[in-house]
Amino acid sequence: MSAMGPQLGVMMFVSMLVLMALRVPIAAAMFVPGVAGYWLLTDSMNTINFLKGSAVARLTVYELSVIPLFLLMGQFASQGGLSRDLFRAAAALIGHVRGGLAMASVLSAGAFGAVCGSSVATSATITQVAYPQMRGLGYGGRLSTAALASGGTLGILIPPSVPLVVYAILTEQNIAKLFAAAMVPGLLAMLGYVMVVGLYARARPDQAPLMDRLPWRERGQALWSIWPISLIFVIVFGGIYGGVFSPTEGAGVGAFLTLVAGLSKRELKMPGIRASLVSTAETTGMVFMIFLGADMMNATLALTEMPKHVAEWVAALPIPDLSIVGAVLLLYILLGCVMDELSMLLLTLPVIFPAVMGLDLWGLNYESKALWFGILLLMTVSFGLIAPPIGLNVYVVNSLAKDVPMSETYKGLVPFLAWDALRMLALLFFPIISLGLVRVFFS
């Protein structure tokens, strides 16, 4: 069995890529080769028993309930008009500066991401609110769509983050610690995008015309309108980091408070509640199906002993350990051209994670190394969401901004991607950026 293991593992990966090229859903593209390989390595009865047990085991993991709860929290915020209030507040505060509305779209995306956890949902929600206003005031399509696609990545960079929850579960790390580790890098991403917009607007003033400065009274009213979502953020994350409740309990509290906030504004009505529940159920079902497909594939890879062989091979490479990490990040960027973030993590982590944990990196202990590597992966995944040729956020934004060619959006994204690359290098060489808050809150 071990002799045919590596060859079978390669055949499974090739089969998966062929199925994906044929537009088979990613969950099935992983599940089918996984079942076939497991059957070949064992027998039909063992395969059936594994299928029965693995589905029950995966779907009864308590920690996974945090995913639908955070998704529901974001849906209630969107349907309840809270996302619109965030953009209006940011626009009222800085809309009068050059590129101010594009900056406001980034800031509101970051704030919405703090209650959403999904980059696609953040991109779609903020684009619907911000894009018509930017274009109506004469903003160029290139800057508008690039800022919205980049800002949408903050949905997973600023906690809560669905990919980060998945990483925590797969690697058995503390979700609250990972959220703390993501906070500073997420804020750096948001501030960096604002800086890029400012520089872009100065270089191309035709893309970002000035708008009138609002009176302080109107600014104050706009800022006052976001107190519900600000309070929810403080309660949820203050409760998590203060030890009052777990991340899963915090997600439940956040979803309930967001529902109450939407109802109190009288914007979240029964059709909106129904749409929120249906959308959350659909997304959760998709995520869990990908989980099941990846579980099947990874179980078969474990039988082939491929993760063990890869870890041993990586440890024996005659190159610096940091270069290996860089190569892994490059691999994830390339995978991002053909796969979504959850599929990448679920499929590759069982092989990649043990290999990276066996390296000597900055003298970090096992937990610190796992937290640092998780944030690096999150940054890399977000890079893939806006990088050509298949940036998922770009497709989402351009599906709503039909008057802007996708090629124009990609041209506008070049300075944002440059900032992403610099930020990834900073995180790679300075782990304290991601580990500083962890040591403050959990020392």
Protein backbone atom coordinates (compact mmCIF):
# COMPACT_ATOMS: atom_id res chain seq x y z
CA MET A 1 0.00 0.00 0.00
CA SER A 2 2.80 2.44 0.84
CA ALA A 3 4.53 1.67 -2.48
CA MET A 4 1.55 2.84 -4.51
CA GLY A 5 0.79 5.70 -2.13
CA PRO A 6 2.71 8.57 -3.81
CA GLN A 7 1.55 7.61 -7.30
CA LEU A 8 -2.05 7.35 -6.14
CA GLY A 9 -1.80 10.73 -4.40
CA VAL A 10 -0.59 12.35 -7.62
CA MET A 11 -3.40 10.68 -9.58
CA MET A 12 -5.95 12.01 -7.08
CA PHE A 13 -4.69 15.59 -7.43
CA VAL A 14 -4.71 15.36 -11.22
CA SER A 15 -8.24 13.93 -11.18
CA MET A 16 -9.39 16.73 -8.89
CA LEU A 17 -7.95 19.42 -11.20
CA VAL A 18 -9.53 17.79 -14.26
CA LEU A 19 -12.93 17.75 -12.54
CA MET A 20 -12.52 21.40 -11.56
CA ALA A 21 -11.63 22.27 -15.17
CA LEU A 22 -14.86 20.55 -16.21
CA ARG A 23 -16.69 22.94 -13.83
CA VAL A 24 -17.62 20.23 -11.34
CA PRO A 25 -18.36 21.85 -7.92
CA ILE A 26 -15.23 21.90 -5.78
CA ALA A 27 -16.77 19.74 -3.04
CA ALA A 28 -17.51 16.96 -5.55
CA ALA A 29 -14.15 17.45 -7.28
CA MET A 30 -12.43 16.57 -3.99
CA PHE A 31 -14.94 13.98 -2.84
CA VAL A 32 -14.96 11.70 -5.91
CA PRO A 33 -11.17 11.12 -6.17
CA GLY A 34 -11.07 10.75 -2.39
CA VAL A 35 -13.67 7.98 -2.37
CA ALA A 36 -12.05 6.20 -5.32
CA GLY A 37 -8.63 6.32 -3.68
CA TYR A 38 -9.92 5.16 -0.31
CA TRP A 39 -11.71 2.26 -2.00
CA LEU A 40 -8.50 1.22 -3.81
CA LEU A 41 -6.43 1.39 -0.62
CA THR A 42 -8.94 -0.46 1.58
CA ASP A 43 -12.18 -2.06 0.38
CA SER A 44 -15.83 -1.21 -0.19
CA MET A 45 -17.00 -1.93 3.38
CA ASN A 46 -14.28 0.20 5.00
CA THR A 47 -15.08 3.01 2.58
CA ILE A 48 -18.79 2.91 3.42
CA ASN A 49 -18.07 2.84 7.16
CA PHE A 50 -15.72 5.81 6.83
CA LEU A 51 -18.28 7.80 4.86
CA LYS A 52 -20.89 7.16 7.52
CA GLY A 53 -18.63 8.06 10.43
CA SER A 54 -16.80 11.03 8.91
CA ALA A 55 -19.98 12.91 8.01
CA VAL A 56 -21.35 12.57 11.54
CA ALA A 57 -17.99 13.48 13.08
CA ARG A 58 -17.58 16.61 10.94
CA LEU A 59 -21.13 17.92 11.23
CA THR A 60 -21.22 17.57 15.03
CA VAL A 61 -18.13 19.68 15.73
CA TYR A 62 -19.37 22.37 18.13
CA GLU A 63 -16.77 24.94 17.08
CA LEU A 64 -18.05 24.90 13.49
CA SER A 65 -21.31 26.51 14.63
CA VAL A 66 -19.40 29.79 14.81
CA ILE A 67 -19.42 29.94 10.98
CA PRO A 68 -23.20 30.18 10.38
CA LEU A 69 -23.57 32.50 13.40
CA PHE A 70 -21.04 35.03 12.08
CA LEU A 71 -22.53 34.73 8.58
CA LEU A 72 -25.99 35.40 10.02
CA MET A 73 -24.62 38.38 11.91
CA GLY A 74 -23.34 39.84 8.63
CA GLN A 75 -26.61 39.16 6.85
CA PHE A 76 -28.65 40.92 9.53
CA ALA A 77 -26.26 43.90 9.36
CA SER A 78 -26.65 44.10 5.59
CA GLN A 79 -30.43 43.66 5.50
CA GLY A 80 -30.87 46.01 8.46
CA GLY A 81 -29.17 48.95 6.74
CA LEU A 82 -26.15 49.00 9.05
CA SER A 83 -23.72 48.73 6.13
CA ARG A 84 -25.25 51.82 4.55
CA ASP A 85 -24.88 53.74 7.81
CA LEU A 86 -21.19 52.78 7.96
CA PHE A 87 -20.51 54.15 4.48
CA ARG A 88 -22.46 57.34 5.12
CA ALA A 89 -20.55 57.96 8.34
CA ALA A 90 -17.18 57.41 6.68
CA ALA A 91 -18.17 59.56 3.69
CA ALA A 92 -19.37 62.36 5.96
CA LEU A 93 -16.06 62.31 7.83
CA ILE A 94 -13.55 62.20 4.94
CA GLY A 95 -15.60 62.46 1.74
CA HIS A 96 -14.42 66.03 1.07
CA VAL A 97 -10.73 65.09 0.66
CA ARG A 98 -9.34 63.96 -2.68
CA GLY A 99 -10.44 60.33 -3.11
CA GLY A 100 -12.49 60.57 0.06
CA LEU A 101 -15.43 58.46 -1.10
CA ALA A 102 -13.12 55.64 -2.21
CA MET A 103 -11.39 55.88 1.19
CA ALA A 104 -14.79 55.78 2.85
CA SER A 105 -15.66 52.59 0.94
CA VAL A 106 -12.49 50.96 2.29
CA LEU A 107 -13.15 52.09 5.87
CA SER A 108 -16.79 50.98 5.75
CA ALA A 109 -15.71 47.62 4.29
CA GLY A 110 -13.31 47.18 7.21
CA ALA A 111 -16.01 48.07 9.73
CA PHE A 112 -18.55 45.79 8.04
CA GLY A 113 -15.97 43.01 7.93
CA ALA A 114 -15.81 43.23 11.73
CA VAL A 115 -19.34 41.84 11.88
CA CYS A 116 -19.39 39.74 8.71
CA GLY A 117 -16.47 37.30 8.30
CA SER A 118 -16.83 36.89 4.52
CA SER A 119 -14.95 38.78 1.83
CA VAL A 120 -17.50 38.07 -0.89
CA ALA A 121 -20.39 39.29 1.28
CA THR A 122 -18.43 42.42 2.24
CA SER A 123 -17.58 43.20 -1.40
CA ALA A 124 -21.16 42.72 -2.58
CA THR A 125 -22.72 44.69 0.28
CA ILE A 126 -20.43 47.73 0.20
CA THR A 127 -20.41 47.85 -3.61
CA GLN A 128 -24.20 48.12 -3.70
CA VAL A 129 -24.05 51.02 -1.25
CA ALA A 130 -20.92 52.91 -2.33
CA TYR A 131 -20.54 52.38 -6.07
CA PRO A 132 -23.60 54.37 -7.23
CA GLN A 133 -22.56 57.33 -5.08
CA MET A 134 -18.96 57.31 -6.32
CA ARG A 135 -19.96 57.11 -9.96
CA GLY A 136 -22.69 59.69 -9.46
CA LEU A 137 -20.10 62.18 -8.21
CA GLY A 138 -17.77 61.54 -11.14
CA TYR A 139 -15.32 59.00 -9.70
CA GLY A 140 -13.52 56.91 -12.32
CA GLY A 141 -14.58 53.31 -12.75
CA ARG A 142 -11.01 52.05 -12.39
CA LEU A 143 -10.47 53.58 -8.94
CA SER A 144 -14.00 52.87 -7.72
CA THR A 145 -14.02 49.14 -8.50
CA ALA A 146 -10.39 48.60 -7.43
CA ALA A 147 -11.03 50.24 -4.04
CA LEU A 148 -14.20 48.19 -3.53
CA ALA A 149 -12.58 44.87 -4.51
CA SER A 150 -9.58 45.53 -2.26
CA GLY A 151 -11.75 46.74 0.60
CA GLY A 152 -13.81 43.57 0.32
CA THR A 153 -10.80 41.47 1.34
CA LEU A 154 -11.03 43.12 4.77
CA GLY A 155 -14.07 40.92 5.34
CA ILE A 156 -11.68 38.05 6.16
CA LEU A 157 -8.66 40.09 7.30
CA ILE A 158 -10.41 41.86 10.18
CA PRO A 159 -11.94 39.37 12.66
CA PRO A 160 -14.24 37.54 12.59
CA SER A 161 -12.98 35.55 9.62
CA VAL A 162 -14.48 32.32 8.29
CA PRO A 163 -11.17 31.08 6.78
CA LEU A 164 -9.43 31.80 10.08
CA VAL A 165 -12.05 29.73 11.95
CA VAL A 166 -11.46 26.88 9.49
CA TYR A 167 -7.69 27.17 10.00
CA ALA A 168 -8.16 27.11 13.78
CA ILE A 169 -10.25 23.94 13.64
CA LEU A 170 -7.98 22.11 11.20
CA THR A 171 -4.80 22.96 13.12
CA GLU A 172 -6.36 22.76 16.61
CA GLN A 173 -5.52 26.36 17.50
CA ASN A 174 -7.37 28.78 19.77
CA ILE A 175 -9.85 30.84 17.70
CA ALA A 176 -9.68 33.85 20.04
CA LYS A 177 -5.88 33.93 19.80
CA LEU A 178 -6.05 33.80 16.00
CA PHE A 179 -8.56 36.65 15.99
CA ALA A 180 -6.17 38.69 18.16
CA ALA A 181 -3.26 37.84 15.87
CA ALA A 182 -5.23 39.03 12.82
CA MET A 183 -6.28 42.37 14.29
CA VAL A 184 -3.11 44.45 13.70
CA PRO A 185 -2.38 43.01 10.22
CA GLY A 186 -6.03 43.64 9.30
CA LEU A 187 -5.87 47.25 10.44
CA LEU A 188 -2.58 47.69 8.55
CA ALA A 189 -4.29 46.41 5.43
CA MET A 190 -7.16 48.87 5.85
CA LEU A 191 -4.94 51.89 6.52
CA GLY A 192 -2.64 50.88 3.68
CA TYR A 193 -5.53 50.72 1.23
CA VAL A 194 -6.64 54.20 2.36
CA MET A 195 -3.09 55.44 1.75
CA VAL A 196 -3.02 53.83 -1.71
CA VAL A 197 -6.32 55.52 -2.60
CA GLY A 198 -4.92 58.87 -1.46
CA LEU A 199 -1.76 58.51 -3.57
CA TYR A 200 -3.74 57.26 -6.57
CA ALA A 201 -6.17 60.17 -6.32
CA ARG A 202 -3.33 62.70 -6.20
CA ALA A 203 -1.67 61.10 -9.22
CA ARG A 204 -4.96 60.88 -11.15
CA PRO A 205 -7.21 63.71 -9.88
CA ASP A 206 -9.57 63.11 -12.82
CA GLN A 207 -10.48 59.77 -11.22
CA ALA A 208 -11.45 61.33 -7.87
CA PRO A 209 -13.13 64.78 -8.02
CA LEU A 210 -13.54 66.78 -4.85
CA MET A 211 -16.92 67.01 -3.12
CA ASP A 212 -18.25 69.67 -0.78
CA ARG A 213 -17.41 69.51 2.91
CA LEU A 214 -20.46 68.66 5.02
CA PRO A 215 -21.40 70.85 8.01
CA TRP A 216 -20.32 69.50 11.39
CA ARG A 217 -23.95 68.97 12.34
CA GLU A 218 -24.50 66.54 9.48
CA ARG A 219 -21.20 64.79 10.24
CA GLY A 220 -22.25 64.33 13.82
CA GLN A 221 -25.60 62.87 12.81
CA ALA A 222 -23.90 60.43 10.42
CA LEU A 223 -21.43 59.32 13.09
CA TRP A 224 -24.20 58.93 15.66
CA SER A 225 -26.05 56.56 13.33
CA ILE A 226 -23.32 53.90 13.67
CA TRP A 227 -23.44 53.59 17.45
CA PRO A 228 -25.38 50.27 17.31
CA ILE A 229 -22.75 48.48 15.23
CA SER A 230 -19.93 50.03 17.27
CA LEU A 231 -21.56 48.78 20.47
CA ILE A 232 -22.02 45.30 18.99
CA PHE A 233 -18.32 45.15 18.06
CA VAL A 234 -17.27 46.19 21.57
CA ILE A 235 -19.60 43.69 23.26
CA VAL A 236 -18.68 40.75 21.02
CA PHE A 237 -14.92 41.14 20.93
CA GLY A 238 -14.64 42.68 24.36
CA GLY A 239 -16.53 39.65 25.68
CA ILE A 240 -14.32 37.20 23.78
CA TYR A 241 -11.00 38.75 24.80
CA GLY A 242 -12.26 39.49 28.30
CA GLY A 243 -13.10 35.83 28.82
CA VAL A 244 -16.81 36.48 29.28
CA PHE A 245 -17.79 34.06 26.52
CA SER A 246 -16.23 31.85 23.87
CA PRO A 247 -15.99 32.84 20.17
CA THR A 248 -19.02 30.67 19.39
CA GLU A 249 -21.06 32.27 22.18
CA GLY A 250 -19.82 35.69 21.05
CA ALA A 251 -21.03 34.98 17.52
CA GLY A 252 -24.46 34.03 18.88
CA VAL A 253 -24.62 37.21 20.98
CA GLY A 254 -23.52 39.27 17.99
CA ALA A 255 -26.14 37.75 15.69
CA PHE A 256 -28.89 38.42 18.24
CA LEU A 257 -27.77 42.03 18.88
CA THR A 258 -27.51 42.72 15.14
CA LEU A 259 -31.06 41.40 14.71
CA VAL A 260 -32.25 43.70 17.51
CA ALA A 261 -30.38 46.68 15.97
CA GLY A 262 -31.94 46.05 12.56
CA LEU A 263 -35.43 45.73 14.04
CA SER A 264 -35.00 48.88 16.14
CA LYS A 265 -34.09 50.86 13.00
CA ARG A 266 -37.31 49.51 11.43
CA GLU A 267 -35.37 48.52 8.30
CA LEU A 268 -35.08 44.80 9.00
CA LYS A 269 -38.50 43.36 8.26
CA MET A 270 -39.77 39.82 7.75
CA PRO A 271 -38.66 39.55 4.08
CA GLY A 272 -35.16 40.67 5.13
CA ILE A 273 -35.06 38.18 8.01
CA ARG A 274 -36.18 35.41 5.67
CA ALA A 275 -33.53 36.39 3.09
CA SER A 276 -30.86 36.48 5.81
CA LEU A 277 -31.74 32.99 7.03
CA VAL A 278 -31.89 31.53 3.51
CA SER A 279 -28.58 33.11 2.45
CA THR A 280 -26.87 31.93 5.64
CA ALA A 281 -28.22 28.40 5.15
CA GLU A 282 -27.06 28.30 1.52
CA THR A 283 -23.55 29.53 2.33
CA THR A 284 -23.24 27.24 5.36
CA GLY A 285 -24.37 24.27 3.29
CA MET A 286 -21.75 25.05 0.66
CA VAL A 287 -19.01 25.39 3.30
CA PHE A 288 -19.94 22.12 4.99
CA MET A 289 -20.08 20.26 1.67
CA ILE A 290 -16.55 21.48 0.96
CA PHE A 291 -15.59 20.24 4.43
CA LEU A 292 -16.93 16.77 3.63
CA GLY A 293 -15.19 16.65 0.26
CA ALA A 294 -11.89 17.76 1.77
CA ASP A 295 -12.23 15.27 4.64
CA MET A 296 -12.58 12.43 2.14
CA MET A 297 -9.59 13.59 0.09
CA ASN A 298 -7.41 14.19 3.15
CA ALA A 299 -8.28 10.82 4.71
CA THR A 300 -7.10 9.08 1.57
CA LEU A 301 -3.94 11.18 1.42
CA ALA A 302 -3.24 10.18 5.02
CA LEU A 303 -3.47 6.51 3.99
CA THR A 304 -0.93 7.13 1.24
CA GLU A 305 1.34 8.70 3.92
CA MET A 306 1.83 11.66 1.60
CA PRO A 307 1.77 14.30 4.42
CA LYS A 308 4.53 12.40 6.23
CA HIS A 309 6.65 12.06 3.08
CA VAL A 310 6.20 15.74 2.20
CA ALA A 311 7.17 16.86 5.73
CA GLU A 312 10.31 14.69 5.65
CA TRP A 313 11.21 15.91 2.17
CA VAL A 314 10.76 19.58 3.12
CA ALA A 315 12.81 19.17 6.30
CA ALA A 316 15.68 17.66 4.28
CA LEU A 317 15.81 20.43 1.66
CA PRO A 318 19.22 22.20 1.66
CA ILE A 319 17.70 25.70 1.61
CA PRO A 320 16.87 28.19 4.40
CA ASP A 321 13.65 27.47 6.29
CA LEU A 322 12.33 30.96 5.55
CA SER A 323 12.73 30.31 1.82
CA ILE A 324 10.51 27.24 2.19
CA VAL A 325 7.81 29.35 3.81
CA GLY A 326 8.12 31.85 0.95
CA ALA A 327 7.69 29.01 -1.56
CA VAL A 328 4.58 27.82 0.31
CA LEU A 329 3.08 31.31 0.15
CA LEU A 330 3.82 31.47 -3.57
CA LEU A 331 2.08 28.11 -3.99
CA TYR A 332 -1.04 29.51 -2.28
CA ILE A 333 -1.00 32.55 -4.55
CA LEU A 334 -0.94 30.24 -7.59
CA LEU A 335 -3.69 28.04 -6.14
CA GLY A 336 -5.76 31.16 -5.63
CA CYS A 337 -5.97 31.45 -9.42
CA VAL A 338 -8.11 28.29 -9.61
CA MET A 339 -9.58 27.68 -6.13
CA ASP A 340 -11.51 29.57 -3.47
CA GLU A 341 -9.96 30.21 -0.05
CA LEU A 342 -11.79 27.51 1.91
CA SER A 343 -11.01 24.79 -0.63
CA MET A 344 -7.33 25.74 -0.59
CA LEU A 345 -7.08 25.57 3.18
CA LEU A 346 -9.08 22.38 3.60
CA LEU A 347 -7.18 20.53 0.89
CA THR A 348 -3.62 21.65 1.56
CA LEU A 349 -3.31 22.24 5.31
CA PRO A 350 -3.11 18.55 6.29
CA VAL A 351 -0.01 18.32 4.04
CA ILE A 352 1.51 21.80 4.38
CA PHE A 353 0.97 22.50 8.09
CA PRO A 354 3.05 19.59 9.50
CA ALA A 355 5.86 20.44 7.08
CA VAL A 356 5.97 24.10 8.14
CA MET A 357 5.69 23.28 11.84
CA GLY A 358 8.83 21.14 11.49
CA LEU A 359 10.88 24.17 10.44
CA ASP A 360 12.91 26.43 12.74
CA LEU A 361 11.38 29.87 12.20
CA TRP A 362 12.54 32.87 14.23
CA GLY A 363 12.91 30.64 17.30
CA LEU A 364 9.12 30.57 17.76
CA ASN A 365 7.49 27.85 19.84
CA TYR A 366 4.88 25.59 18.26
CA GLU A 367 1.81 27.68 19.14
CA SER A 368 3.35 31.02 18.16
CA LYS A 369 4.55 29.52 14.89
CA ALA A 370 1.07 28.16 14.15
CA LEU A 371 -0.58 31.53 14.88
CA TRP A 372 1.97 33.46 12.81
CA PHE A 373 1.72 31.05 9.87
CA GLY A 374 -2.09 31.20 10.00
CA ILE A 375 -2.07 34.99 9.60
CA LEU A 376 0.46 34.73 6.77
CA LEU A 377 -1.87 32.30 5.01
CA LEU A 378 -4.81 34.64 5.57
CA MET A 379 -2.88 37.51 3.96
CA THR A 380 -1.94 35.26 1.02
CA VAL A 381 -5.53 34.11 0.55
CA SER A 382 -6.72 37.72 0.52
CA PHE A 383 -4.08 38.49 -2.15
CA GLY A 384 -5.59 35.75 -4.32
CA LEU A 385 -9.06 37.26 -3.97
CA ILE A 386 -8.06 40.29 -6.08
CA ALA A 387 -5.14 38.95 -8.13
CA PRO A 388 -5.58 38.08 -11.82
CA PRO A 389 -6.65 36.02 -13.64
CA ILE A 390 -9.42 34.84 -11.27
CA GLY A 391 -9.88 37.26 -8.39
CA LEU A 392 -13.20 36.29 -6.82
CA ASN A 393 -13.78 39.75 -5.33
CA VAL A 394 -13.16 41.33 -8.74
CA TYR A 395 -15.87 39.17 -10.28
CA VAL A 396 -18.29 40.07 -7.48
CA VAL A 397 -17.68 43.82 -7.80
CA ASN A 398 -17.79 43.82 -11.60
CA SER A 399 -21.03 41.84 -11.61
CA LEU A 400 -22.54 44.85 -9.82
CA ALA A 401 -20.52 47.52 -11.68
CA LYS A 402 -21.37 46.36 -15.20
CA ASP A 403 -20.25 49.62 -16.84
CA VAL A 404 -16.59 49.05 -15.92
CA PRO A 405 -14.55 46.47 -17.91
CA MET A 406 -12.79 43.92 -15.73
CA SER A 407 -9.47 44.84 -17.35
CA GLU A 408 -9.87 48.37 -15.97
CA THR A 409 -10.41 47.02 -12.46
CA TYR A 410 -7.27 44.90 -12.67
CA LYS A 411 -5.26 47.93 -13.82
CA GLY A 412 -6.54 49.87 -10.83
CA LEU A 413 -5.62 47.00 -8.50
CA VAL A 414 -1.88 47.13 -9.28
CA PRO A 415 -0.97 49.59 -6.45
CA PHE A 416 -3.23 47.71 -4.00
CA LEU A 417 -1.49 44.42 -4.83
CA ALA A 418 1.88 46.13 -4.41
CA TRP A 419 0.84 47.14 -0.88
CA ASP A 420 -0.33 43.60 -0.19
CA ALA A 421 3.05 42.23 -1.25
CA LEU A 422 4.90 44.67 1.02
CA ARG A 423 2.62 43.79 3.94
CA MET A 424 3.16 40.07 3.44
CA LEU A 425 6.94 40.59 3.45
CA ALA A 426 6.68 42.63 6.66
CA LEU A 427 4.65 39.86 8.34
CA LEU A 428 7.10 37.24 7.10
CA PHE A 429 10.14 38.97 8.58
CA PHE A 430 8.53 40.55 11.67
CA PRO A 431 6.29 38.01 13.46
CA ILE A 432 5.68 40.50 16.29
CA ILE A 433 3.19 42.31 13.99
CA SER A 434 0.79 39.39 14.33
CA LEU A 435 1.88 38.03 17.71
CA GLY A 436 2.01 41.31 19.67
CA LEU A 437 -1.67 41.44 20.67
CA VAL A 438 -1.70 37.72 21.43
CA ARG A 439 1.02 38.24 24.00
CA VAL A 440 -0.83 41.25 25.44
CA PHE A 441 -4.20 39.52 25.85
CA PHE A 442 -3.09 35.96 26.58
CA SER A 443 0.25 36.23 28.38
